[in-house]
Amino acid sequence: MEEELHKDICDKKIFSIVYEKHSQDLHDFLYYKYGEQFNPNDKMQDAFVKLWENCKKVALSSARSFLFTVANNMVLNDIKHKKVVLRHEKIKPKDYTHESPEFILEKEEFLQQYQKALSNLTEDQRVAFSLSKIEGKKHAEIAEMLGVTKKVVEYRIYSAFNKLKAELKGFKIK
């Protein structure tokens, strides 16, 4: 007899009747207990999906209890997750480093000089250099992207290096 009950809830018609009978009550329960912020309609739908996935394990007589328990647990899990997120949002990242003020100033000055030197390159040199050194692309890939030969790409990168070395004297460039 109990096996028939399990088969019944797996039947699409019976499942549809269970959905029609309990969906509004489940939605209202979640809405009034937790409010709109936890998406009661989504939780209700998810509970019915769980019921369908477990239809062989759930008797027709306990379907309502199963739905309400599953939906309630889903919302409680969301609440726990939000608490964890809030706890991590309260942790402030450290706003200090172990770098000396002189080092930070030198780093900023170098960055400004580097950006100025990059802006003095021709567009072809800057594109080839950026794709090679910043993006990490190989010379053959760059040549294919730009529609030029590999030798042209190598020349552009080489000439960009020479210009950067000339403008950034005192800095070691590899």
Protein backbone atom coordinates (compact mmCIF):
# COMPACT_ATOMS: atom_id res chain seq x y z
CA MET A 1 0.00 0.00 0.00
CA GLU A 2 2.79 2.44 0.92
CA GLU A 3 4.52 1.70 -2.38
CA GLU A 4 1.41 2.88 -4.22
CA LEU A 5 1.52 6.17 -2.32
CA HIS A 6 5.09 6.75 -3.41
CA LYS A 7 4.18 6.01 -7.00
CA ASP A 8 1.22 8.36 -6.77
CA ILE A 9 3.25 11.44 -5.91
CA CYS A 10 5.59 10.69 -8.83
CA ASP A 11 2.62 10.73 -11.16
CA LYS A 12 2.45 14.06 -12.98
CA LYS A 13 -1.28 14.48 -12.42
CA ILE A 14 -1.04 13.81 -8.68
CA PHE A 15 1.99 16.06 -8.40
CA SER A 16 0.07 18.80 -10.20
CA ILE A 17 -2.79 18.44 -7.74
CA VAL A 18 -0.35 18.65 -4.82
CA TYR A 19 1.16 21.78 -6.38
CA GLU A 20 -2.23 23.44 -6.84
CA LYS A 21 -3.27 22.52 -3.31
CA HIS A 22 -0.15 23.64 -1.42
CA SER A 23 1.74 26.21 -3.51
CA GLN A 24 -0.22 29.28 -2.40
CA ASP A 25 -0.17 28.25 1.27
CA LEU A 26 3.58 27.61 1.11
CA HIS A 27 4.22 30.94 -0.59
CA ASP A 28 2.11 32.79 1.98
CA PHE A 29 3.81 31.00 4.87
CA LEU A 30 7.25 32.03 3.62
CA TYR A 31 6.13 35.55 2.77
CA TYR A 32 4.55 36.25 6.15
CA LYS A 33 7.31 34.57 8.15
CA TYR A 34 10.36 36.00 6.33
CA GLY A 35 9.14 38.75 4.04
CA GLU A 36 9.78 39.47 0.37
CA GLN A 37 13.57 39.80 0.74
CA PHE A 38 14.09 36.00 0.69
CA ASN A 39 12.07 35.45 -2.50
CA PRO A 40 9.24 33.28 -1.18
CA ASN A 41 8.08 32.43 -4.69
CA ASP A 42 11.51 31.07 -5.64
CA LYS A 43 11.79 29.09 -2.42
CA MET A 44 8.32 27.65 -2.96
CA GLN A 45 9.29 26.57 -6.50
CA ASP A 46 12.57 25.09 -5.26
CA ALA A 47 10.73 23.12 -2.57
CA PHE A 48 8.49 21.59 -5.23
CA VAL A 49 11.54 20.71 -7.31
CA LYS A 50 12.98 18.93 -4.26
CA LEU A 51 9.68 17.13 -3.80
CA TRP A 52 9.75 15.98 -7.41
CA GLU A 53 13.37 14.81 -7.05
CA ASN A 54 12.44 12.86 -3.91
CA CYS A 55 8.97 11.73 -4.95
CA LYS A 56 9.82 8.06 -4.42
CA LYS A 57 10.87 8.75 -0.83
CA VAL A 58 7.96 11.00 0.20
CA ALA A 59 4.52 9.68 0.91
CA LEU A 60 1.54 11.63 -0.38
CA SER A 61 0.32 12.13 3.16
CA SER A 62 3.59 13.80 4.21
CA ALA A 63 4.08 15.92 1.07
CA ARG A 64 2.81 19.11 2.74
CA SER A 65 5.10 18.69 5.73
CA PHE A 66 8.04 17.91 3.42
CA LEU A 67 7.40 21.05 1.34
CA PHE A 68 7.12 23.37 4.32
CA THR A 69 10.20 21.90 6.01
CA VAL A 70 12.34 22.08 2.88
CA ALA A 71 11.26 25.64 2.05
CA ASN A 72 11.79 26.82 5.62
CA ASN A 73 15.28 25.25 5.69
CA MET A 74 16.15 26.96 2.39
CA VAL A 75 15.26 30.35 3.83
CA LEU A 76 17.16 29.61 7.05
CA ASN A 77 20.21 28.67 4.96
CA ASP A 78 19.90 31.99 3.10
CA ILE A 79 19.75 33.84 6.42
CA LYS A 80 22.88 32.03 7.64
CA HIS A 81 24.64 32.90 4.40
CA LYS A 82 23.72 36.56 4.72
CA LYS A 83 25.05 36.59 8.28
CA VAL A 84 28.37 35.21 7.06
CA VAL A 85 28.50 37.80 4.28
CA LEU A 86 27.76 40.61 6.75
CA ARG A 87 30.42 39.32 9.14
CA HIS A 88 33.01 39.38 6.36
CA GLU A 89 31.91 42.83 5.21
CA LYS A 90 32.60 44.15 8.72
CA ILE A 91 36.21 42.95 8.58
CA LYS A 92 38.17 45.92 7.35
CA PRO A 93 41.12 45.24 5.10
CA LYS A 94 44.39 46.48 6.45
CA ASP A 95 45.13 49.96 5.20
CA TYR A 96 48.84 49.89 5.88
CA THR A 97 51.88 48.35 4.27
CA HIS A 98 55.40 47.67 5.37
CA GLU A 99 56.75 49.89 2.60
CA SER A 100 58.51 53.07 3.54
CA PRO A 101 57.06 56.40 2.44
CA GLU A 102 60.16 56.97 0.32
CA PHE A 103 59.60 53.71 -1.54
CA ILE A 104 55.94 54.55 -2.18
CA LEU A 105 56.91 57.99 -3.48
CA GLU A 106 59.59 56.51 -5.76
CA LYS A 107 57.10 53.94 -7.03
CA GLU A 108 54.57 56.66 -7.90
CA GLU A 109 57.25 58.76 -9.60
CA PHE A 110 58.41 55.79 -11.65
CA LEU A 111 54.84 54.98 -12.65
CA GLN A 112 54.33 58.56 -13.87
CA GLN A 113 57.60 58.47 -15.80
CA TYR A 114 56.72 55.06 -17.25
CA GLN A 115 53.27 56.25 -18.39
CA LYS A 116 54.84 59.33 -19.97
CA ALA A 117 57.43 57.21 -21.73
CA LEU A 118 54.71 54.85 -22.99
CA SER A 119 52.72 57.79 -24.32
CA ASN A 120 55.80 58.94 -26.27
CA LEU A 121 55.92 55.63 -28.19
CA THR A 122 54.22 55.38 -31.57
CA GLU A 123 50.87 53.63 -31.51
CA ASP A 124 52.30 50.60 -33.34
CA GLN A 125 55.14 50.30 -30.82
CA ARG A 126 52.83 50.78 -27.84
CA VAL A 127 50.36 48.16 -29.09
CA ALA A 128 53.05 45.57 -29.84
CA PHE A 129 54.86 46.27 -26.56
CA SER A 130 51.64 46.12 -24.49
CA LEU A 131 50.47 42.90 -26.10
CA SER A 132 53.86 41.31 -25.53
CA LYS A 133 54.80 42.51 -22.05
CA ILE A 134 51.46 43.28 -20.41
CA GLU A 135 49.19 40.68 -22.02
CA GLY A 136 51.96 38.08 -22.30
CA LYS A 137 51.21 37.19 -25.91
CA LYS A 138 53.81 35.56 -28.14
CA HIS A 139 55.25 37.41 -31.12
CA ALA A 140 53.50 35.08 -33.60
CA GLU A 141 50.11 35.73 -31.91
CA ILE A 142 50.65 39.48 -32.03
CA ALA A 143 51.66 39.31 -35.71
CA GLU A 144 48.48 37.40 -36.50
CA MET A 145 46.32 39.85 -34.53
CA LEU A 146 47.87 42.92 -36.15
CA GLY A 147 48.13 41.43 -39.63
CA VAL A 148 51.90 41.94 -39.92
CA THR A 149 54.88 39.63 -39.99
CA LYS A 150 56.62 38.32 -36.90
CA LYS A 151 59.76 40.31 -37.78
CA VAL A 152 57.75 43.56 -37.84
CA VAL A 153 56.38 42.78 -34.37
CA GLU A 154 59.88 42.00 -33.07
CA TYR A 155 61.18 45.28 -34.51
CA ARG A 156 58.34 47.28 -32.91
CA ILE A 157 58.97 45.71 -29.51
CA TYR A 158 62.74 46.18 -29.84
CA SER A 159 62.38 49.84 -30.84
CA ALA A 160 59.91 50.40 -27.98
CA PHE A 161 62.44 48.95 -25.54
CA ASN A 162 65.14 51.25 -26.84
CA LYS A 163 62.94 54.33 -26.45
CA LEU A 164 61.88 53.28 -22.95
CA LYS A 165 65.52 52.68 -21.92
CA ALA A 166 66.49 56.11 -23.21
CA GLU A 167 63.66 57.88 -21.36
CA LEU A 168 63.83 55.86 -18.15
CA LYS A 169 67.51 56.21 -17.35
CA GLY A 170 68.37 55.02 -13.88
CA PHE A 171 65.75 52.24 -13.97
CA LYS A 172 66.63 48.67 -14.81
CA ILE A 173 64.51 47.49 -17.73
CA LYS A 174 64.45 43.88 -18.90
